[in-house]
C-alpha atoms as a PDB file:
ATOM      1  CA  UNK A   1     116.176   2.413  41.445  1.00  0.00           C
ATOM      2  CA  UNK A   2     113.930   3.463  38.573  1.00  0.00           C
ATOM      3  CA  UNK A   3     113.485  -0.191  37.611  1.00  0.00           C
ATOM      4  CA  UNK A   4     112.436  -1.034  41.169  1.00  0.00           C
ATOM      5  CA  UNK A   5     109.820   1.749  41.226  1.00  0.00           C
ATOM      6  CA  UNK A   6     108.474   0.622  37.856  1.00  0.00           C
ATOM      7  CA  UNK A   7     108.096  -2.948  39.083  1.00  0.00           C
ATOM      8  CA  UNK A   8     106.443  -1.739  42.278  1.00  0.00           C
ATOM      9  CA  UNK A   9     103.940   0.374  40.358  1.00  0.00           C
ATOM     10  CA  UNK A  10     103.118  -2.517  38.027  1.00  0.00           C
ATOM     11  CA  UNK A  11     102.484  -4.773  41.028  1.00  0.00           C
ATOM     12  CA  UNK A  12     100.177  -2.179  42.563  1.00  0.00           C
ATOM     13  CA  UNK A  13      98.170  -1.942  39.321  1.00  0.00           C
ATOM     14  CA  UNK A  14      97.768  -5.706  39.172  1.00  0.00           C
ATOM     15  CA  UNK A  15      96.593  -5.728  42.832  1.00  0.00           C
ATOM     16  CA  UNK A  16      94.066  -2.953  42.175  1.00  0.00           C
ATOM     17  CA  UNK A  17      92.650  -4.760  39.125  1.00  0.00           C
ATOM     18  CA  UNK A  18      92.244  -8.043  41.034  1.00  0.00           C
ATOM     19  CA  UNK A  19      90.640  -6.342  44.038  1.00  0.00           C
ATOM     20  CA  UNK A  20      88.216  -4.416  41.817  1.00  0.00           C
ATOM     21  CA  UNK A  21      87.166  -7.554  39.971  1.00  0.00           C
ATOM     22  CA  UNK A  22      86.501  -9.419  43.234  1.00  0.00           C
ATOM     23  CA  UNK A  23      84.382  -6.504  44.499  1.00  0.00           C
ATOM     24  CA  UNK A  24      82.347  -6.455  41.245  1.00  0.00           C
ATOM     25  CA  UNK A  25      81.683 -10.189  41.460  1.00  0.00           C
ATOM     26  CA  UNK A  26      80.358  -9.786  45.025  1.00  0.00           C
ATOM     27  CA  UNK A  27      77.982  -6.993  43.883  1.00  0.00           C
ATOM     28  CA  UNK A  28      76.611  -9.164  41.070  1.00  0.00           C
ATOM     29  CA  UNK A  29      76.049 -12.068  43.453  1.00  0.00           C
ATOM     30  CA  UNK A  30      74.323  -9.781  45.954  1.00  0.00           C
ATOM     31  CA  UNK A  31      71.876  -8.353  43.394  1.00  0.00           C
ATOM     32  CA  UNK A  32      70.696 -11.776  42.167  1.00  0.00           C
ATOM     33  CA  UNK A  33      67.409 -13.146  43.546  1.00  0.00           C
ATOM     34  CA  UNK A  34      67.979 -15.533  46.454  1.00  0.00           C
ATOM     35  CA  UNK A  35      67.418 -19.165  45.713  1.00  0.00           C
ATOM     36  CA  UNK A  36      65.136 -19.719  48.702  1.00  0.00           C
ATOM     37  CA  UNK A  37      62.448 -17.118  47.879  1.00  0.00           C
ATOM     38  CA  UNK A  38      59.088 -17.620  49.651  1.00  0.00           C
ATOM     39  CA  UNK A  39      56.475 -19.331  47.477  1.00  0.00           C
ATOM     40  CA  UNK A  40      54.391 -16.115  47.149  1.00  0.00           C
ATOM     41  CA  UNK A  41      57.372 -14.152  45.780  1.00  0.00           C
ATOM     42  CA  UNK A  42      58.317 -16.867  43.296  1.00  0.00           C
ATOM     43  CA  UNK A  43      54.782 -17.003  41.892  1.00  0.00           C
ATOM     44  CA  UNK A  44      54.885 -13.316  40.920  1.00  0.00           C
ATOM     45  CA  UNK A  45      57.339 -14.054  38.160  1.00  0.00           C
ATOM     46  CA  UNK A  46      55.672 -17.261  37.002  1.00  0.00           C
ATOM     47  CA  UNK A  47      52.016 -17.324  35.926  1.00  0.00           C
ATOM     48  CA  UNK A  48      51.477 -20.499  33.917  1.00  0.00           C
ATOM     49  CA  UNK A  49      48.239 -20.594  31.867  1.00  0.00           C
ATOM     50  CA  UNK A  50      45.381 -22.710  33.201  1.00  0.00           C
ATOM     51  CA  UNK A  51      44.678 -25.212  30.378  1.00  0.00           C
ATOM     52  CA  UNK A  52      41.086 -25.859  31.507  1.00  0.00           C
ATOM     53  CA  UNK A  53      40.315 -22.162  31.738  1.00  0.00           C
ATOM     54  CA  UNK A  54      41.832 -21.520  28.317  1.00  0.00           C
ATOM     55  CA  UNK A  55      39.764 -24.353  26.842  1.00  0.00           C
ATOM     56  CA  UNK A  56      36.514 -22.938  28.254  1.00  0.00           C
ATOM     57  CA  UNK A  57      37.281 -19.440  27.035  1.00  0.00           C
ATOM     58  CA  UNK A  58      38.104 -20.787  23.583  1.00  0.00           C
ATOM     59  CA  UNK A  59      34.610 -22.359  23.449  1.00  0.00           C
ATOM     60  CA  UNK A  60      33.265 -18.807  23.800  1.00  0.00           C
ATOM     61  CA  UNK A  61      35.349 -17.419  20.931  1.00  0.00           C
ATOM     62  CA  UNK A  62      32.216 -16.173  19.084  1.00  0.00           C
ATOM     63  CA  UNK A  63      30.782 -14.304  22.071  1.00  0.00           C
ATOM     64  CA  UNK A  64      30.918 -10.527  22.408  1.00  0.00           C
ATOM     65  CA  UNK A  65      34.132  -9.408  24.106  1.00  0.00           C
ATOM     66  CA  UNK A  66      32.228  -8.093  27.126  1.00  0.00           C
ATOM     67  CA  UNK A  67      30.627 -11.509  27.627  1.00  0.00           C
ATOM     68  CA  UNK A  68      33.957 -13.335  27.345  1.00  0.00           C
ATOM     69  CA  UNK A  69      35.360 -11.051  30.044  1.00  0.00           C
ATOM     70  CA  UNK A  70      32.387 -11.795  32.259  1.00  0.00           C
ATOM     71  CA  UNK A  71      32.846 -15.508  31.642  1.00  0.00           C
ATOM     72  CA  UNK A  72      36.501 -15.231  32.633  1.00  0.00           C
ATOM     73  CA  UNK A  73      35.473 -13.311  35.736  1.00  0.00           C
ATOM     74  CA  UNK A  74      32.962 -16.024  36.602  1.00  0.00           C
ATOM     75  CA  UNK A  75      35.694 -18.637  36.270  1.00  0.00           C
ATOM     76  CA  UNK A  76      38.056 -16.654  38.522  1.00  0.00           C
ATOM     77  CA  UNK A  77      35.306 -16.163  41.091  1.00  0.00           C
ATOM     78  CA  UNK A  78      34.183 -19.793  40.803  1.00  0.00           C
ATOM     79  CA  UNK A  79      30.574 -18.840  40.165  1.00  0.00           C
ATOM     80  CA  UNK A  80      28.055 -19.564  37.407  1.00  0.00           C
ATOM     81  CA  UNK A  81      27.780 -17.394  34.303  1.00  0.00           C
ATOM     82  CA  UNK A  82      24.077 -16.622  33.862  1.00  0.00           C
ATOM     83  CA  UNK A  83      22.227 -16.340  30.565  1.00  0.00           C
ATOM     84  CA  UNK A  84      18.677 -14.942  30.465  1.00  0.00           C
ATOM     85  CA  UNK A  85      16.614 -15.949  27.428  1.00  0.00           C
ATOM     86  CA  UNK A  86      13.942 -13.290  27.001  1.00  0.00           C
ATOM     87  CA  UNK A  87      11.082 -12.891  24.580  1.00  0.00           C
ATOM     88  CA  UNK A  88       7.595 -13.946  23.483  1.00  0.00           C
ATOM     89  CA  UNK A  89       5.908 -17.343  23.537  1.00  0.00           C
ATOM     90  CA  UNK A  90       7.687 -18.135  20.282  1.00  0.00           C
ATOM     91  CA  UNK A  91      10.546 -19.258  22.524  1.00  0.00           C
ATOM     92  CA  UNK A  92       8.439 -22.322  23.222  1.00  0.00           C
ATOM     93  CA  UNK A  93       8.444 -24.486  26.334  1.00  0.00           C
ATOM     94  CA  UNK A  94       9.222 -28.036  27.349  1.00  0.00           C
ATOM     95  CA  UNK A  95      12.201 -30.317  26.747  1.00  0.00           C
ATOM     96  CA  UNK A  96      11.954 -30.046  22.939  1.00  0.00           C
ATOM     97  CA  UNK A  97      11.999 -26.221  22.893  1.00  0.00           C
ATOM     98  CA  UNK A  98      15.140 -24.528  21.633  1.00  0.00           C
ATOM     99  CA  UNK A  99      15.927 -22.849  25.011  1.00  0.00           C
ATOM    100  CA  UNK A 100      16.048 -26.268  26.665  1.00  0.00           C
ATOM    101  CA  UNK A 101      18.022 -27.807  23.813  1.00  0.00           C
ATOM    102  CA  UNK A 102      20.504 -24.938  23.998  1.00  0.00           C
ATOM    103  CA  UNK A 103      20.773 -25.195  27.782  1.00  0.00           C
ATOM    104  CA  UNK A 104      21.563 -28.909  27.572  1.00  0.00           C
ATOM    105  CA  UNK A 105      24.359 -28.353  25.068  1.00  0.00           C
ATOM    106  CA  UNK A 106      25.816 -25.362  26.914  1.00  0.00           C
ATOM    107  CA  UNK A 107      26.010 -27.242  30.197  1.00  0.00           C
ATOM    108  CA  UNK A 108      27.467 -30.269  28.459  1.00  0.00           C
ATOM    109  CA  UNK A 109      30.209 -28.166  26.856  1.00  0.00           C
ATOM    110  CA  UNK A 110      31.003 -25.734  29.695  1.00  0.00           C
ATOM    111  CA  UNK A 111      29.787 -27.651  32.725  1.00  0.00           C
ATOM    112  CA  UNK A 112      26.595 -27.425  34.772  1.00  0.00           C
ATOM    113  CA  UNK A 113      28.348 -25.448  37.487  1.00  0.00           C
ATOM    114  CA  UNK A 114      29.565 -22.756  35.070  1.00  0.00           C
ATOM    115  CA  UNK A 115      26.517 -22.050  32.871  1.00  0.00           C
ATOM    116  CA  UNK A 116      22.995 -21.440  34.109  1.00  0.00           C
ATOM    117  CA  UNK A 117      20.070 -20.280  31.965  1.00  0.00           C
ATOM    118  CA  UNK A 118      16.771 -18.641  32.854  1.00  0.00           C
ATOM    119  CA  UNK A 119      13.941 -18.339  30.309  1.00  0.00           C
ATOM    120  CA  UNK A 120      11.443 -15.475  30.577  1.00  0.00           C
ATOM    121  CA  UNK A 121       8.682 -15.703  27.944  1.00  0.00           C
ATOM    122  CA  UNK A 122       5.508 -13.595  27.726  1.00  0.00           C
ATOM    123  CA  UNK A 123       2.438 -13.754  25.507  1.00  0.00           C
ATOM    124  CA  UNK A 124       2.254  -9.996  24.912  1.00  0.00           C
ATOM    125  CA  UNK A 125       3.507  -7.078  22.841  1.00  0.00           C
ATOM    126  CA  UNK A 126       6.575  -5.001  23.618  1.00  0.00           C
ATOM    127  CA  UNK A 127       4.289  -2.202  24.858  1.00  0.00           C
ATOM    128  CA  UNK A 128       2.687  -4.520  27.383  1.00  0.00           C
ATOM    129  CA  UNK A 129       6.041  -5.892  28.470  1.00  0.00           C
ATOM    130  CA  UNK A 130       7.678  -2.523  29.242  1.00  0.00           C
ATOM    131  CA  UNK A 131       4.539  -1.314  31.037  1.00  0.00           C
ATOM    132  CA  UNK A 132       3.743  -4.448  33.058  1.00  0.00           C
ATOM    133  CA  UNK A 133       6.266  -7.241  33.205  1.00  0.00           C
ATOM    134  CA  UNK A 134       9.873  -6.066  33.580  1.00  0.00           C
ATOM    135  CA  UNK A 135      10.123  -6.881  37.292  1.00  0.00           C
ATOM    136  CA  UNK A 136      11.543 -10.421  36.934  1.00  0.00           C
ATOM    137  CA  UNK A 137      14.097  -9.293  34.377  1.00  0.00           C
ATOM    138  CA  UNK A 138      15.295  -6.322  36.426  1.00  0.00           C
ATOM    139  CA  UNK A 139      15.473  -8.415  39.567  1.00  0.00           C
ATOM    140  CA  UNK A 140      18.063 -10.717  38.011  1.00  0.00           C
ATOM    141  CA  UNK A 141      19.161  -9.600  34.496  1.00  0.00           C
ATOM    142  CA  UNK A 142      22.028 -12.085  34.185  1.00  0.00           C
ATOM    143  CA  UNK A 143      25.463 -11.716  32.603  1.00  0.00           C
ATOM    144  CA  UNK A 144      24.048 -12.135  29.107  1.00  0.00           C
ATOM    145  CA  UNK A 145      20.523 -11.504  27.798  1.00  0.00           C
ATOM    146  CA  UNK A 146      19.498 -13.283  24.596  1.00  0.00           C
ATOM    147  CA  UNK A 147      16.563 -11.131  23.594  1.00  0.00           C
ATOM    148  CA  UNK A 148      13.800 -11.774  21.048  1.00  0.00           C
ATOM    149  CA  UNK A 149      12.084  -8.397  21.390  1.00  0.00           C
ATOM    150  CA  UNK A 150       8.440  -9.396  20.726  1.00  0.00           C
ATOM    151  CA  UNK A 151       8.760  -8.572  17.014  1.00  0.00           C
ATOM    152  CA  UNK A 152       6.124 -11.067  15.864  1.00  0.00           C
ATOM    153  CA  UNK A 153       3.677 -10.105  18.598  1.00  0.00           C
ATOM    154  CA  UNK A 154       4.164  -6.436  17.696  1.00  0.00           C
ATOM    155  CA  UNK A 155       3.381  -7.047  14.044  1.00  0.00           C
ATOM    156  CA  UNK A 156       0.100  -5.291  13.299  1.00  0.00           C
ATOM    157  CA  UNK A 157      -0.204  -4.153  16.931  1.00  0.00           C
ATOM    158  CA  UNK A 158       2.794  -1.939  17.674  1.00  0.00           C
ATOM    159  CA  UNK A 159       4.541   0.175  15.072  1.00  0.00           C
ATOM    160  CA  UNK A 160       8.119  -0.718  14.163  1.00  0.00           C
ATOM    161  CA  UNK A 161       9.475   2.555  15.500  1.00  0.00           C
ATOM    162  CA  UNK A 162       7.631   2.145  18.817  1.00  0.00           C
ATOM    163  CA  UNK A 163       8.840  -1.462  19.070  1.00  0.00           C
ATOM    164  CA  UNK A 164      12.455  -0.397  18.649  1.00  0.00           C
ATOM    165  CA  UNK A 165      11.962   2.360  21.241  1.00  0.00           C
ATOM    166  CA  UNK A 166      10.649  -0.281  23.641  1.00  0.00           C
ATOM    167  CA  UNK A 167      13.694  -2.406  22.910  1.00  0.00           C
ATOM    168  CA  UNK A 168      15.997   0.527  23.726  1.00  0.00           C
ATOM    169  CA  UNK A 169      14.066   1.177  26.911  1.00  0.00           C
ATOM    170  CA  UNK A 170      14.458  -2.419  28.094  1.00  0.00           C
ATOM    171  CA  UNK A 171      18.225  -2.307  27.492  1.00  0.00           C
ATOM    172  CA  UNK A 172      18.587   1.051  29.260  1.00  0.00           C
ATOM    173  CA  UNK A 173      16.669  -0.172  32.282  1.00  0.00           C
ATOM    174  CA  UNK A 174      18.729  -3.331  32.556  1.00  0.00           C
ATOM    175  CA  UNK A 175      21.992  -1.449  32.137  1.00  0.00           C
ATOM    176  CA  UNK A 176      20.985   0.963  34.923  1.00  0.00           C
ATOM    177  CA  UNK A 177      20.599  -2.046  37.256  1.00  0.00           C
ATOM    178  CA  UNK A 178      23.473  -4.137  35.984  1.00  0.00           C
ATOM    179  CA  UNK A 179      25.968  -2.295  33.702  1.00  0.00           C
ATOM    180  CA  UNK A 180      27.883  -5.520  33.011  1.00  0.00           C
ATOM    181  CA  UNK A 181      24.926  -7.277  31.322  1.00  0.00           C
ATOM    182  CA  UNK A 182      25.390  -7.824  27.579  1.00  0.00           C
ATOM    183  CA  UNK A 183      22.470  -7.988  25.129  1.00  0.00           C
ATOM    184  CA  UNK A 184      22.340 -10.222  22.059  1.00  0.00           C
ATOM    185  CA  UNK A 185      19.340  -9.758  19.763  1.00  0.00           C
ATOM    186  CA  UNK A 186      17.591 -12.276  17.573  1.00  0.00           C
ATOM    187  CA  UNK A 187      14.316 -12.404  15.640  1.00  0.00           C
ATOM    188  CA  UNK A 188      11.397 -14.738  16.412  1.00  0.00           C
ATOM    189  CA  UNK A 189      10.795 -17.662  14.059  1.00  0.00           C
ATOM    190  CA  UNK A 190      10.063 -16.943  10.377  1.00  0.00           C
ATOM    191  CA  UNK A 191       6.619 -17.285   8.838  1.00  0.00           C
ATOM    192  CA  UNK A 192       5.613 -18.633   5.459  1.00  0.00           C
ATOM    193  CA  UNK A 193       4.677 -16.225   2.684  1.00  0.00           C
ATOM    194  CA  UNK A 194       4.179 -13.011   4.669  1.00  0.00           C
ATOM    195  CA  UNK A 195       4.754  -9.429   3.553  1.00  0.00           C
ATOM    196  CA  UNK A 196       5.094  -6.980   6.440  1.00  0.00           C
ATOM    197  CA  UNK A 197       6.564  -9.201   9.155  1.00  0.00           C
ATOM    198  CA  UNK A 198       9.885  -9.785   7.303  1.00  0.00           C
ATOM    199  CA  UNK A 199      10.193  -6.000   6.936  1.00  0.00           C
ATOM    200  CA  UNK A 200       9.848  -5.604  10.694  1.00  0.00           C
ATOM    201  CA  UNK A 201      12.593  -8.187  11.208  1.00  0.00           C
ATOM    202  CA  UNK A 202      14.835  -6.429   8.698  1.00  0.00           C
ATOM    203  CA  UNK A 203      14.342  -3.180  10.658  1.00  0.00           C
ATOM    204  CA  UNK A 204      15.386  -5.016  13.815  1.00  0.00           C
ATOM    205  CA  UNK A 205      18.522  -6.279  12.100  1.00  0.00           C
ATOM    206  CA  UNK A 206      19.411  -2.837  10.815  1.00  0.00           C
ATOM    207  CA  UNK A 207      18.837  -1.355  14.275  1.00  0.00           C
ATOM    208  CA  UNK A 208      21.227  -3.864  15.813  1.00  0.00           C
ATOM    209  CA  UNK A 209      23.903  -3.107  13.210  1.00  0.00           C
ATOM    210  CA  UNK A 210      23.547   0.673  13.606  1.00  0.00           C
ATOM    211  CA  UNK A 211      23.879   0.372  17.368  1.00  0.00           C
ATOM    212  CA  UNK A 212      26.631  -2.283  17.373  1.00  0.00           C
ATOM    213  CA  UNK A 213      24.459  -4.836  19.174  1.00  0.00           C
ATOM    214  CA  UNK A 214      25.218  -8.504  18.346  1.00  0.00           C
ATOM    215  CA  UNK A 215      22.445 -10.006  16.183  1.00  0.00           C
ATOM    216  CA  UNK A 216      21.948 -13.713  15.616  1.00  0.00           C
ATOM    217  CA  UNK A 217      20.234 -14.115  12.253  1.00  0.00           C
ATOM    218  CA  UNK A 218      18.994 -17.687  12.649  1.00  0.00           C
ATOM    219  CA  UNK A 219      16.605 -17.206   9.708  1.00  0.00           C
ATOM    220  CA  UNK A 220      19.533 -18.125   7.450  1.00  0.00           C
ATOM    221  CA  UNK A 221      19.235 -21.715   8.745  1.00  0.00           C
ATOM    222  CA  UNK A 222      15.516 -22.083   7.894  1.00  0.00           C
ATOM    223  CA  UNK A 223      13.908 -22.788   4.523  1.00  0.00           C
ATOM    224  CA  UNK A 224      13.213 -19.683   2.414  1.00  0.00           C
ATOM    225  CA  UNK A 225      10.160 -17.640   3.371  1.00  0.00           C
ATOM    226  CA  UNK A 226       8.376 -18.553   0.112  1.00  0.00           C
ATOM    227  CA  UNK A 227       9.245 -22.242   0.348  1.00  0.00           C
ATOM    228  CA  UNK A 228       6.192 -24.396   1.324  1.00  0.00           C
ATOM    229  CA  UNK A 229       8.585 -26.625   3.257  1.00  0.00           C
ATOM    230  CA  UNK A 230       8.832 -23.862   5.861  1.00  0.00           C
ATOM    231  CA  UNK A 231       5.331 -24.764   7.076  1.00  0.00           C
ATOM    232  CA  UNK A 232       6.729 -28.055   8.375  1.00  0.00           C
ATOM    233  CA  UNK A 233       8.942 -26.077  10.784  1.00  0.00           C
ATOM    234  CA  UNK A 234       6.001 -24.198  12.356  1.00  0.00           C
ATOM    235  CA  UNK A 235       3.212 -25.046  14.758  1.00  0.00           C
ATOM    236  CA  UNK A 236      -0.334 -25.265  13.343  1.00  0.00           C
ATOM    237  CA  UNK A 237      -1.182 -21.736  14.477  1.00  0.00           C
ATOM    238  CA  UNK A 238       2.259 -20.277  13.612  1.00  0.00           C
ATOM    239  CA  UNK A 239       2.700 -19.032  17.185  1.00  0.00           C
ATOM    240  CA  UNK A 240       5.970 -20.911  17.610  1.00  0.00           C
ATOM    241  CA  UNK A 241       8.189 -23.414  15.811  1.00  0.00           C
ATOM    242  CA  UNK A 242       7.306 -27.073  15.471  1.00  0.00           C
ATOM    243  CA  UNK A 243       9.687 -29.632  16.956  1.00  0.00           C
ATOM    244  CA  UNK A 244      11.588 -29.499  13.667  1.00  0.00           C
ATOM    245  CA  UNK A 245      11.781 -25.709  13.816  1.00  0.00           C
ATOM    246  CA  UNK A 246      12.984 -25.710  17.401  1.00  0.00           C
ATOM    247  CA  UNK A 247      15.779 -28.040  16.388  1.00  0.00           C
ATOM    248  CA  UNK A 248      16.927 -25.742  13.565  1.00  0.00           C
ATOM    249  CA  UNK A 249      16.803 -22.704  15.802  1.00  0.00           C
ATOM    250  CA  UNK A 250      18.680 -24.504  18.565  1.00  0.00           C
ATOM    251  CA  UNK A 251      21.390 -25.831  16.261  1.00  0.00           C
ATOM    252  CA  UNK A 252      22.097 -22.338  14.939  1.00  0.00           C
ATOM    253  CA  UNK A 253      22.506 -20.957  18.450  1.00  0.00           C
ATOM    254  CA  UNK A 254      24.561 -23.941  19.608  1.00  0.00           C
ATOM    255  CA  UNK A 255      27.031 -23.335  16.775  1.00  0.00           C
ATOM    256  CA  UNK A 256      27.359 -19.735  17.916  1.00  0.00           C
ATOM    257  CA  UNK A 257      27.668 -20.276  21.628  1.00  0.00           C
ATOM    258  CA  UNK A 258      29.967 -23.316  21.435  1.00  0.00           C
ATOM    259  CA  UNK A 259      32.953 -22.829  19.186  1.00  0.00           C
ATOM    260  CA  UNK A 260      33.503 -26.251  17.631  1.00  0.00           C
ATOM    261  CA  UNK A 261      37.003 -25.307  16.432  1.00  0.00           C
ATOM    262  CA  UNK A 262      38.311 -24.882  19.980  1.00  0.00           C
END
C-alpha cells in the first residue's frame, strides 16, 4: 500500500512540473511583441541614421554647437539655414568678393536649398550703425551672423571701448529678436605697416575670447603686416581687399565652414 501511495505521489509531482512548464511557456509567448506590429509601432524601436543628413552635419564639424543644432533643425524642417554676413564696405561686392566666393562654395557643398546667405555692408562706423541702420538686420537676423564689427572704420573715429560696447549692443538686440541666432566674429582685412589698427583688432580678439564668442582670425592667412607683399592684397585706397586679398579671405572661411575631412 505504501509503495502504491509513493508511486501515486511521484506521478502527481511529475504532472505538476509538466503543467507548470507549459504555463510558463505560454506566458513567455504572450509577452513577446507580435510579429504583425503596425508600421508606426515598429519604427519606434528602429531609427536608422540618415547617411545624407550625417554627411551634411559632418561638413559643419567646425561650426559652433548652437549652429550645428540649428542646421540639423533646418534639415529636419526641410528649410534653408540662413547666414547673414554683416560689416563694413571691407566685405567688398561683386562676384569676386569673398562673401560671394564663400556663398558659391557653401551652396556647392551643402546644396542651394539648404544654405542661403545675405550680405549687409555699410560704409560707416559702429556708432552710426547702432544709431541708424540696424533695421534690416533685426528684421531678419538669420541662423548665423558672421560679423565684422566695423573695426577699421572705427579706427581713429570711435574708441576701442565704445566700439566693443556697440558690438555687445548689436548682439543683445539680435538675441532679443531671435535667441537662436549665433554670432561669429572676424576682423576686417589687415593693413600694411600700421600701428594702432592692429591693436584694435587684438582687443576685438581678446573680447571674443573673454566672452566665448567664436572668432575667425583670417589674418593668419595673409602676409605679415610689415611685409611689402601685403600691399598686393589690398585695393589702392586700402578700403577693402584686392581680388587677391578676397581670395585669401574666402579660402580661410571656406576651410572653416566646410570640413574637408568629412
